[in-house]
PDB file of N, CA and C in Angstrom:
ATOM      1  N   MET A   1     -92.828  53.697  75.101  1.00  0.00           N
ATOM      2  CA  MET A   1     -91.656  54.174  75.801  1.00  0.00           C
ATOM      3  C   MET A   1     -92.068  55.324  76.716  1.00  0.00           C
ATOM      4  N   PRO A   2     -91.651  55.295  77.975  1.00  0.00           N
ATOM      5  CA  PRO A   2     -91.975  56.396  78.885  1.00  0.00           C
ATOM      6  C   PRO A   2     -91.169  57.648  78.540  1.00  0.00           C
ATOM      7  N   PRO A   3     -91.705  58.821  78.877  1.00  0.00           N
ATOM      8  CA  PRO A   3     -90.962  60.052  78.607  1.00  0.00           C
ATOM      9  C   PRO A   3     -89.748  60.173  79.525  1.00  0.00           C
ATOM     10  N   MET A   4     -88.784  60.990  79.101  1.00  0.00           N
ATOM     11  CA  MET A   4     -87.627  61.289  79.947  1.00  0.00           C
ATOM     12  C   MET A   4     -88.107  62.077  81.162  1.00  0.00           C
ATOM     13  N   PRO A   5     -87.315  62.097  82.245  1.00  0.00           N
ATOM     14  CA  PRO A   5     -87.717  62.847  83.442  1.00  0.00           C
ATOM     15  C   PRO A   5     -87.930  64.336  83.177  1.00  0.00           C
ATOM     16  N   PHE A   6     -87.236  64.902  82.188  1.00  0.00           N
ATOM     17  CA  PHE A   6     -87.426  66.296  81.807  1.00  0.00           C
ATOM     18  C   PHE A   6     -87.174  66.413  80.312  1.00  0.00           C
ATOM     19  N   ALA A   7     -87.870  67.351  79.685  1.00  0.00           N
ATOM     20  CA  ALA A   7     -87.723  67.545  78.238  1.00  0.00           C
ATOM     21  C   ALA A   7     -86.333  68.072  77.924  1.00  0.00           C
ATOM     22  N   ARG A   8     -85.774  67.634  76.804  1.00  0.00           N
ATOM     23  CA  ARG A   8     -84.475  68.129  76.361  1.00  0.00           C
ATOM     24  C   ARG A   8     -84.385  68.027  74.851  1.00  0.00           C
ATOM     25  N   SER A   9     -83.516  68.838  74.275  1.00  0.00           N
ATOM     26  CA  SER A   9     -83.242  68.788  72.845  1.00  0.00           C
ATOM     27  C   SER A   9     -81.732  68.789  72.658  1.00  0.00           C
ATOM     28  N   ASN A  10     -81.278  68.588  71.427  1.00  0.00           N
ATOM     29  CA  ASN A  10     -79.852  68.649  71.078  1.00  0.00           C
ATOM     30  C   ASN A  10     -78.978  67.708  71.893  1.00  0.00           C
ATOM     31  N   PHE A  11     -79.517  66.580  72.327  1.00  0.00           N
ATOM     32  CA  PHE A  11     -78.713  65.571  73.016  1.00  0.00           C
ATOM     33  C   PHE A  11     -78.314  64.506  72.004  1.00  0.00           C
ATOM     34  N   ASP A  12     -77.381  63.657  72.383  1.00  0.00           N
ATOM     35  CA  ASP A  12     -77.064  62.517  71.533  1.00  0.00           C
ATOM     36  C   ASP A  12     -77.539  61.259  72.231  1.00  0.00           C
ATOM     37  N   LEU A  13     -77.868  60.269  71.451  1.00  0.00           N
ATOM     38  CA  LEU A  13     -78.370  59.003  71.965  1.00  0.00           C
ATOM     39  C   LEU A  13     -77.530  57.891  71.369  1.00  0.00           C
ATOM     40  N   CYS A  14     -77.070  56.983  72.204  1.00  0.00           N
ATOM     41  CA  CYS A  14     -76.333  55.837  71.687  1.00  0.00           C
ATOM     42  C   CYS A  14     -76.705  54.598  72.487  1.00  0.00           C
ATOM     43  N   LYS A  15     -76.431  53.450  71.912  1.00  0.00           N
ATOM     44  CA  LYS A  15     -76.740  52.173  72.550  1.00  0.00           C
ATOM     45  C   LYS A  15     -75.440  51.528  72.998  1.00  0.00           C
ATOM     46  N   LEU A  16     -75.425  51.074  74.241  1.00  0.00           N
ATOM     47  CA  LEU A  16     -74.282  50.375  74.812  1.00  0.00           C
ATOM     48  C   LEU A  16     -74.823  49.124  75.472  1.00  0.00           C
ATOM     49  N   GLY A  17     -74.520  47.966  74.917  1.00  0.00           N
ATOM     50  CA  GLY A  17     -75.104  46.732  75.422  1.00  0.00           C
ATOM     51  C   GLY A  17     -76.589  46.733  75.147  1.00  0.00           C
ATOM     52  N   GLU A  18     -77.379  46.527  76.174  1.00  0.00           N
ATOM     53  CA  GLU A  18     -78.840  46.504  76.037  1.00  0.00           C
ATOM     54  C   GLU A  18     -79.490  47.823  76.450  1.00  0.00           C
ATOM     55  N   LYS A  19     -78.693  48.845  76.721  1.00  0.00           N
ATOM     56  CA  LYS A  19     -79.231  50.115  77.213  1.00  0.00           C
ATOM     57  C   LYS A  19     -78.957  51.249  76.232  1.00  0.00           C
ATOM     58  N   PHE A  20     -79.830  52.252  76.287  1.00  0.00           N
ATOM     59  CA  PHE A  20     -79.658  53.470  75.510  1.00  0.00           C
ATOM     60  C   PHE A  20     -79.271  54.597  76.455  1.00  0.00           C
ATOM     61  N   TYR A  21     -78.359  55.461  76.014  1.00  0.00           N
ATOM     62  CA  TYR A  21     -77.889  56.572  76.823  1.00  0.00           C
ATOM     63  C   TYR A  21     -78.198  57.886  76.119  1.00  0.00           C
ATOM     64  N   ALA A  22     -78.887  58.780  76.812  1.00  0.00           N
ATOM     65  CA  ALA A  22     -79.145  60.139  76.335  1.00  0.00           C
ATOM     66  C   ALA A  22     -78.119  61.034  77.022  1.00  0.00           C
ATOM     67  N   ILE A  23     -77.290  61.697  76.228  1.00  0.00           N
ATOM     68  CA  ILE A  23     -76.118  62.389  76.756  1.00  0.00           C
ATOM     69  C   ILE A  23     -76.214  63.878  76.470  1.00  0.00           C
ATOM     70  N   GLY A  24     -76.082  64.685  77.535  1.00  0.00           N
ATOM     71  CA  GLY A  24     -76.077  66.133  77.389  1.00  0.00           C
ATOM     72  C   GLY A  24     -77.368  66.663  76.801  1.00  0.00           C
ATOM     73  N   GLY A  25     -77.275  67.802  76.135  1.00  0.00           N
ATOM     74  CA  GLY A  25     -78.431  68.402  75.489  1.00  0.00           C
ATOM     75  C   GLY A  25     -78.759  69.774  76.051  1.00  0.00           C
ATOM     76  N   TYR A  26     -79.978  70.190  75.775  1.00  0.00           N
ATOM     77  CA  TYR A  26     -80.438  71.518  76.161  1.00  0.00           C
ATOM     78  C   TYR A  26     -81.835  71.402  76.752  1.00  0.00           C
ATOM     79  N   THR A  27     -82.026  71.972  77.946  1.00  0.00           N
ATOM     80  CA  THR A  27     -83.356  72.063  78.559  1.00  0.00           C
ATOM     81  C   THR A  27     -83.753  73.535  78.462  1.00  0.00           C
ATOM     82  N   THR A  28     -83.538  74.296  79.507  1.00  0.00           N
ATOM     83  CA  THR A  28     -83.622  75.756  79.421  1.00  0.00           C
ATOM     84  C   THR A  28     -82.217  76.341  79.384  1.00  0.00           C
ATOM     85  N   CYS A  29     -81.240  75.468  79.517  1.00  0.00           N
ATOM     86  CA  CYS A  29     -79.824  75.792  79.402  1.00  0.00           C
ATOM     87  C   CYS A  29     -79.096  74.498  79.028  1.00  0.00           C
ATOM     88  N   LEU A  30     -77.798  74.585  78.780  1.00  0.00           N
ATOM     89  CA  LEU A  30     -77.033  73.374  78.480  1.00  0.00           C
ATOM     90  C   LEU A  30     -77.084  72.433  79.673  1.00  0.00           C
ATOM     91  N   THR A  31     -77.087  71.130  79.417  1.00  0.00           N
ATOM     92  CA  THR A  31     -77.121  70.167  80.515  1.00  0.00           C
ATOM     93  C   THR A  31     -75.947  69.204  80.433  1.00  0.00           C
ATOM     94  N   ARG A  32     -75.546  68.694  81.564  1.00  0.00           N
ATOM     95  CA  ARG A  32     -74.465  67.713  81.630  1.00  0.00           C
ATOM     96  C   ARG A  32     -74.961  66.341  82.051  1.00  0.00           C
ATOM     97  N   HIS A  33     -76.271  66.179  82.185  1.00  0.00           N
ATOM     98  CA  HIS A  33     -76.842  64.921  82.661  1.00  0.00           C
ATOM     99  C   HIS A  33     -76.766  63.815  81.611  1.00  0.00           C
ATOM    100  N   VAL A  34     -76.534  62.601  82.092  1.00  0.00           N
ATOM    101  CA  VAL A  34     -76.574  61.402  81.254  1.00  0.00           C
ATOM    102  C   VAL A  34     -77.673  60.507  81.809  1.00  0.00           C
ATOM    103  N   LEU A  35     -78.634  60.168  80.953  1.00  0.00           N
ATOM    104  CA  LEU A  35     -79.734  59.286  81.337  1.00  0.00           C
ATOM    105  C   LEU A  35     -79.582  57.952  80.626  1.00  0.00           C
ATOM    106  N   CYS A  36     -80.053  56.898  81.271  1.00  0.00           N
ATOM    107  CA  CYS A  36     -79.973  55.550  80.723  1.00  0.00           C
ATOM    108  C   CYS A  36     -81.382  54.969  80.628  1.00  0.00           C
ATOM    109  N   PHE A  37     -81.705  54.367  79.485  1.00  0.00           N
ATOM    110  CA  PHE A  37     -82.998  53.717  79.292  1.00  0.00           C
ATOM    111  C   PHE A  37     -82.765  52.220  79.141  1.00  0.00           C
ATOM    112  N   ASP A  38     -83.368  51.433  80.033  1.00  0.00           N
ATOM    113  CA  ASP A  38     -83.154  49.982  80.038  1.00  0.00           C
ATOM    114  C   ASP A  38     -84.261  49.203  79.328  1.00  0.00           C
ATOM    115  N   GLY A  39     -85.135  49.900  78.638  1.00  0.00           N
ATOM    116  CA  GLY A  39     -86.261  49.253  77.980  1.00  0.00           C
ATOM    117  C   GLY A  39     -87.561  49.441  78.735  1.00  0.00           C
ATOM    118  N   TYR A  40     -87.449  49.900  79.993  1.00  0.00           N
ATOM    119  CA  TYR A  40     -88.628  50.091  80.838  1.00  0.00           C
ATOM    120  C   TYR A  40     -88.730  51.499  81.395  1.00  0.00           C
ATOM    121  N   ARG A  41     -87.583  52.066  81.788  1.00  0.00           N
ATOM    122  CA  ARG A  41     -87.614  53.396  82.399  1.00  0.00           C
ATOM    123  C   ARG A  41     -86.278  54.110  82.193  1.00  0.00           C
ATOM    124  N   TRP A  42     -86.325  55.438  82.340  1.00  0.00           N
ATOM    125  CA  TRP A  42     -85.132  56.277  82.273  1.00  0.00           C
ATOM    126  C   TRP A  42     -84.570  56.448  83.678  1.00  0.00           C
ATOM    127  N   ASP A  43     -83.270  56.290  83.829  1.00  0.00           N
ATOM    128  CA  ASP A  43     -82.589  56.512  85.102  1.00  0.00           C
ATOM    129  C   ASP A  43     -81.418  57.456  84.891  1.00  0.00           C
ATOM    130  N   PHE A  44     -81.177  58.314  85.885  1.00  0.00           N
ATOM    131  CA  PHE A  44     -79.999  59.175  85.883  1.00  0.00           C
ATOM    132  C   PHE A  44     -78.775  58.296  86.136  1.00  0.00           C
ATOM    133  N   THR A  45     -77.718  58.431  85.340  1.00  0.00           N
ATOM    134  CA  THR A  45     -76.515  57.627  85.564  1.00  0.00           C
ATOM    135  C   THR A  45     -75.362  58.453  86.099  1.00  0.00           C
ATOM    136  N   SER A  46     -75.084  59.587  85.480  1.00  0.00           N
ATOM    137  CA  SER A  46     -73.960  60.408  85.918  1.00  0.00           C
ATOM    138  C   SER A  46     -74.039  61.764  85.230  1.00  0.00           C
ATOM    139  N   ASP A  47     -73.069  62.602  85.516  1.00  0.00           N
ATOM    140  CA  ASP A  47     -72.931  63.889  84.850  1.00  0.00           C
ATOM    141  C   ASP A  47     -71.654  63.886  84.027  1.00  0.00           C
ATOM    142  N   LEU A  48     -71.666  64.610  82.921  1.00  0.00           N
ATOM    143  CA  LEU A  48     -70.439  64.874  82.189  1.00  0.00           C
ATOM    144  C   LEU A  48     -69.609  65.855  83.008  1.00  0.00           C
ATOM    145  N   CYS A  49     -68.325  65.967  82.720  1.00  0.00           N
ATOM    146  CA  CYS A  49     -67.496  66.923  83.460  1.00  0.00           C
ATOM    147  C   CYS A  49     -67.833  68.367  83.076  1.00  0.00           C
ATOM    148  N   ALA A  50     -68.499  68.563  81.940  1.00  0.00           N
ATOM    149  CA  ALA A  50     -68.954  69.894  81.519  1.00  0.00           C
ATOM    150  C   ALA A  50     -70.265  69.741  80.758  1.00  0.00           C
ATOM    151  N   SER A  51     -71.088  70.766  80.792  1.00  0.00           N
ATOM    152  CA  SER A  51     -72.349  70.738  80.043  1.00  0.00           C
ATOM    153  C   SER A  51     -72.060  70.711  78.551  1.00  0.00           C
ATOM    154  N   ARG A  52     -72.852  69.922  77.815  1.00  0.00           N
ATOM    155  CA  ARG A  52     -72.661  69.792  76.370  1.00  0.00           C
ATOM    156  C   ARG A  52     -74.010  69.765  75.666  1.00  0.00           C
ATOM    157  N   SER A  53     -74.048  70.354  74.482  1.00  0.00           N
ATOM    158  CA  SER A  53     -75.235  70.318  73.636  1.00  0.00           C
ATOM    159  C   SER A  53     -74.765  70.184  72.196  1.00  0.00           C
ATOM    160  N   ALA A  54     -75.598  69.619  71.330  1.00  0.00           N
ATOM    161  CA  ALA A  54     -75.245  69.409  69.922  1.00  0.00           C
ATOM    162  C   ALA A  54     -73.931  68.638  69.823  1.00  0.00           C
ATOM    163  N   LEU A  55     -73.837  67.558  70.542  1.00  0.00           N
ATOM    164  CA  LEU A  55     -72.621  66.763  70.604  1.00  0.00           C
ATOM    165  C   LEU A  55     -72.785  65.460  69.847  1.00  0.00           C
ATOM    166  N   ARG A  56     -71.702  64.719  69.731  1.00  0.00           N
ATOM    167  CA  ARG A  56     -71.730  63.390  69.139  1.00  0.00           C
ATOM    168  C   ARG A  56     -71.169  62.396  70.134  1.00  0.00           C
ATOM    169  N   ALA A  57     -71.815  61.257  70.244  1.00  0.00           N
ATOM    170  CA  ALA A  57     -71.311  60.162  71.079  1.00  0.00           C
ATOM    171  C   ALA A  57     -70.914  59.020  70.155  1.00  0.00           C
ATOM    172  N   ILE A  58     -69.793  58.416  70.428  1.00  0.00           N
ATOM    173  CA  ILE A  58     -69.286  57.317  69.616  1.00  0.00           C
ATOM    174  C   ILE A  58     -69.060  56.122  70.524  1.00  0.00           C
ATOM    175  N   VAL A  59     -69.571  54.972  70.142  1.00  0.00           N
ATOM    176  CA  VAL A  59     -69.380  53.753  70.925  1.00  0.00           C
ATOM    177  C   VAL A  59     -68.168  53.020  70.374  1.00  0.00           C
ATOM    178  N   LEU A  60     -67.211  52.741  71.243  1.00  0.00           N
ATOM    179  CA  LEU A  60     -66.005  52.010  70.861  1.00  0.00           C
ATOM    180  C   LEU A  60     -65.963  50.678  71.587  1.00  0.00           C
ATOM    181  N   ARG A  61     -65.430  49.692  70.942  1.00  0.00           N
ATOM    182  CA  ARG A  61     -65.221  48.400  71.591  1.00  0.00           C
ATOM    183  C   ARG A  61     -63.816  48.390  72.194  1.00  0.00           C
ATOM    184  N   ARG A  62     -63.599  47.467  73.096  1.00  0.00           N
ATOM    185  CA  ARG A  62     -62.294  47.276  73.742  1.00  0.00           C
ATOM    186  C   ARG A  62     -61.854  48.508  74.526  1.00  0.00           C
ATOM    187  N   TRP A  63     -62.736  48.997  75.335  1.00  0.00           N
ATOM    188  CA  TRP A  63     -62.424  50.153  76.169  1.00  0.00           C
ATOM    189  C   TRP A  63     -62.658  49.766  77.618  1.00  0.00           C
ATOM    190  N   PRO A  64     -61.980  50.410  78.555  1.00  0.00           N
ATOM    191  CA  PRO A  64     -62.213  50.113  79.977  1.00  0.00           C
ATOM    192  C   PRO A  64     -63.651  50.397  80.391  1.00  0.00           C
ATOM    193  N   ASP A  65     -63.908  50.262  81.645  1.00  0.00           N
ATOM    194  CA  ASP A  65     -65.237  50.445  82.228  1.00  0.00           C
ATOM    195  C   ASP A  65     -65.883  51.739  81.727  1.00  0.00           C
ATOM    196  N   PRO A  66     -67.041  51.651  81.032  1.00  0.00           N
ATOM    197  CA  PRO A  66     -67.651  52.849  80.456  1.00  0.00           C
ATOM    198  C   PRO A  66     -68.139  53.858  81.471  1.00  0.00           C
ATOM    199  N   ARG A  67     -68.336  53.455  82.719  1.00  0.00           N
ATOM    200  CA  ARG A  67     -68.866  54.396  83.708  1.00  0.00           C
ATOM    201  C   ARG A  67     -67.870  55.490  84.048  1.00  0.00           C
ATOM    202  N   TRP A  68     -66.573  55.207  84.111  1.00  0.00           N
ATOM    203  CA  TRP A  68     -65.629  56.250  84.501  1.00  0.00           C
ATOM    204  C   TRP A  68     -65.343  57.218  83.379  1.00  0.00           C
ATOM    205  N   ILE A  69     -65.548  56.819  82.148  1.00  0.00           N
ATOM    206  CA  ILE A  69     -65.214  57.703  81.041  1.00  0.00           C
ATOM    207  C   ILE A  69     -66.132  58.923  80.988  1.00  0.00           C
ATOM    208  N   LEU A  70     -67.330  58.811  81.516  1.00  0.00           N
ATOM    209  CA  LEU A  70     -68.264  59.929  81.508  1.00  0.00           C
ATOM    210  C   LEU A  70     -67.914  60.992  82.542  1.00  0.00           C
ATOM    211  N   ASN A  71     -67.099  60.653  83.537  1.00  0.00           N
ATOM    212  CA  ASN A  71     -66.790  61.573  84.627  1.00  0.00           C
ATOM    213  C   ASN A  71     -65.362  62.091  84.613  1.00  0.00           C
ATOM    214  N   ASP A  72     -64.477  61.446  83.899  1.00  0.00           N
ATOM    215  CA  ASP A  72     -63.054  61.719  83.996  1.00  0.00           C
ATOM    216  C   ASP A  72     -62.670  63.034  83.313  1.00  0.00           C
ATOM    217  N   GLU A  73     -61.623  63.664  83.818  1.00  0.00           N
ATOM    218  CA  GLU A  73     -61.077  64.851  83.180  1.00  0.00           C
ATOM    219  C   GLU A  73     -60.407  64.439  81.876  1.00  0.00           C
ATOM    220  N   GLU A  74     -60.373  65.336  80.897  1.00  0.00           N
ATOM    221  CA  GLU A  74     -59.866  64.991  79.578  1.00  0.00           C
ATOM    222  C   GLU A  74     -58.424  64.497  79.604  1.00  0.00           C
ATOM    223  N   GLU A  75     -57.541  65.154  80.333  1.00  0.00           N
ATOM    224  CA  GLU A  75     -56.143  64.750  80.338  1.00  0.00           C
ATOM    225  C   GLU A  75     -55.972  63.378  80.967  1.00  0.00           C
ATOM    226  N   THR A  76     -56.618  63.155  82.115  1.00  0.00           N
ATOM    227  CA  THR A  76     -56.550  61.855  82.772  1.00  0.00           C
ATOM    228  C   THR A  76     -57.175  60.791  81.892  1.00  0.00           C
ATOM    229  N   LEU A  77     -58.273  61.123  81.259  1.00  0.00           N
ATOM    230  CA  LEU A  77     -58.947  60.198  80.354  1.00  0.00           C
ATOM    231  C   LEU A  77     -58.008  59.771  79.237  1.00  0.00           C
ATOM    232  N   HIS A  78     -57.327  60.724  78.631  1.00  0.00           N
ATOM    233  CA  HIS A  78     -56.418  60.410  77.535  1.00  0.00           C
ATOM    234  C   HIS A  78     -55.280  59.514  78.016  1.00  0.00           C
ATOM    235  N   THR A  79     -54.677  59.848  79.143  1.00  0.00           N
ATOM    236  CA  THR A  79     -53.583  59.050  79.690  1.00  0.00           C
ATOM    237  C   THR A  79     -54.040  57.645  80.040  1.00  0.00           C
ATOM    238  N   ASN A  80     -55.162  57.538  80.741  1.00  0.00           N
ATOM    239  CA  ASN A  80     -55.674  56.222  81.132  1.00  0.00           C
ATOM    240  C   ASN A  80     -56.077  55.390  79.927  1.00  0.00           C
ATOM    241  N   SER A  81     -56.657  56.020  78.927  1.00  0.00           N
ATOM    242  CA  SER A  81     -57.127  55.260  77.768  1.00  0.00           C
ATOM    243  C   SER A  81     -55.967  54.665  76.993  1.00  0.00           C
ATOM    244  N   ILE A  82     -54.872  55.376  76.886  1.00  0.00           N
ATOM    245  CA  ILE A  82     -53.707  54.846  76.184  1.00  0.00           C
ATOM    246  C   ILE A  82     -53.160  53.625  76.914  1.00  0.00           C
ATOM    247  N   LYS A  83     -53.132  53.676  78.240  1.00  0.00           N
ATOM    248  CA  LYS A  83     -52.577  52.582  79.033  1.00  0.00           C
ATOM    249  C   LYS A  83     -53.467  51.345  79.056  1.00  0.00           C
ATOM    250  N   THR A  84     -54.790  51.541  79.013  1.00  0.00           N
ATOM    251  CA  THR A  84     -55.685  50.414  79.279  1.00  0.00           C
ATOM    252  C   THR A  84     -56.562  49.966  78.119  1.00  0.00           C
ATOM    253  N   ALA A  85     -56.617  50.711  77.037  1.00  0.00           N
ATOM    254  CA  ALA A  85     -57.552  50.385  75.953  1.00  0.00           C
ATOM    255  C   ALA A  85     -57.292  49.016  75.347  1.00  0.00           C
ATOM    256  N   LYS A  86     -56.051  48.622  75.243  1.00  0.00           N
ATOM    257  CA  LYS A  86     -55.724  47.340  74.623  1.00  0.00           C
ATOM    258  C   LYS A  86     -56.084  46.155  75.499  1.00  0.00           C
ATOM    259  N   LYS A  87     -56.243  46.364  76.802  1.00  0.00           N
ATOM    260  CA  LYS A  87     -56.471  45.268  77.745  1.00  0.00           C
ATOM    261  C   LYS A  87     -57.944  44.956  77.967  1.00  0.00           C
ATOM    262  N   SER A  88     -58.836  45.825  77.577  1.00  0.00           N
ATOM    263  CA  SER A  88     -60.247  45.671  77.920  1.00  0.00           C
ATOM    264  C   SER A  88     -61.065  45.114  76.766  1.00  0.00           C
ATOM    265  N   LEU A  89     -62.087  44.339  77.100  1.00  0.00           N
ATOM    266  CA  LEU A  89     -62.994  43.808  76.089  1.00  0.00           C
ATOM    267  C   LEU A  89     -64.371  44.443  76.184  1.00  0.00           C
ATOM    268  N   GLU A  90     -64.502  45.454  77.041  1.00  0.00           N
ATOM    269  CA  GLU A  90     -65.788  46.103  77.240  1.00  0.00           C
ATOM    270  C   GLU A  90     -66.003  47.183  76.194  1.00  0.00           C
ATOM    271  N   GLN A  91     -67.226  47.683  76.131  1.00  0.00           N
ATOM    272  CA  GLN A  91     -67.555  48.812  75.272  1.00  0.00           C
ATOM    273  C   GLN A  91     -67.630  50.059  76.132  1.00  0.00           C
ATOM    274  N   SER A  92     -67.548  51.213  75.471  1.00  0.00           N
ATOM    275  CA  SER A  92     -67.705  52.438  76.224  1.00  0.00           C
ATOM    276  C   SER A  92     -68.126  53.587  75.340  1.00  0.00           C
ATOM    277  N   ILE A  93     -68.332  54.749  75.947  1.00  0.00           N
ATOM    278  CA  ILE A  93     -68.826  55.931  75.241  1.00  0.00           C
ATOM    279  C   ILE A  93     -67.777  57.032  75.325  1.00  0.00           C
ATOM    280  N   ILE A  94     -67.508  57.658  74.212  1.00  0.00           N
ATOM    281  CA  ILE A  94     -66.643  58.835  74.192  1.00  0.00           C
ATOM    282  C   ILE A  94     -67.500  60.011  73.749  1.00  0.00           C
ATOM    283  N   ILE A  95     -67.376  61.104  74.426  1.00  0.00           N
ATOM    284  CA  ILE A  95     -68.164  62.283  74.117  1.00  0.00           C
ATOM    285  C   ILE A  95     -67.314  63.262  73.314  1.00  0.00           C
ATOM    286  N   HIS A  96     -67.862  63.783  72.228  1.00  0.00           N
ATOM    287  CA  HIS A  96     -67.179  64.781  71.407  1.00  0.00           C
ATOM    288  C   HIS A  96     -68.139  65.931  71.165  1.00  0.00           C
ATOM    289  N   SER A  97     -67.668  67.123  71.400  1.00  0.00           N
ATOM    290  CA  SER A  97     -68.508  68.302  71.178  1.00  0.00           C
ATOM    291  C   SER A  97     -67.844  69.203  70.161  1.00  0.00           C
ATOM    292  N   ASP A  98     -68.641  69.813  69.301  1.00  0.00           N
ATOM    293  CA  ASP A  98     -68.111  70.762  68.330  1.00  0.00           C
ATOM    294  C   ASP A  98     -67.873  72.130  68.945  1.00  0.00           C
ATOM    295  N   SER A  99     -68.407  72.348  70.144  1.00  0.00           N
ATOM    296  CA  SER A  99     -68.262  73.672  70.759  1.00  0.00           C
ATOM    297  C   SER A  99     -67.023  73.758  71.598  1.00  0.00           C
TER     298      SER A  99
END
């Protein structure tokens, strides 16, 4: 497995489909970057709306497009998820931080 583009600790890792996602963490400060590993290389996918470290990621089934959930504001995310969660057959990632 190739190394990540930059060293980090305290991130969470989860699998969605055939890809692994490294979410948040700590480099020399808290980070909001989300990286995706497809089995060959790490790619930058998006940023969280806020930097997070020592977090938990949970994969849920029947959620809308997982790409928007990583960028959305919490209130909009909550409203949209209630309206659309029952209609989708996709998987997605929800970020939870203890801080």
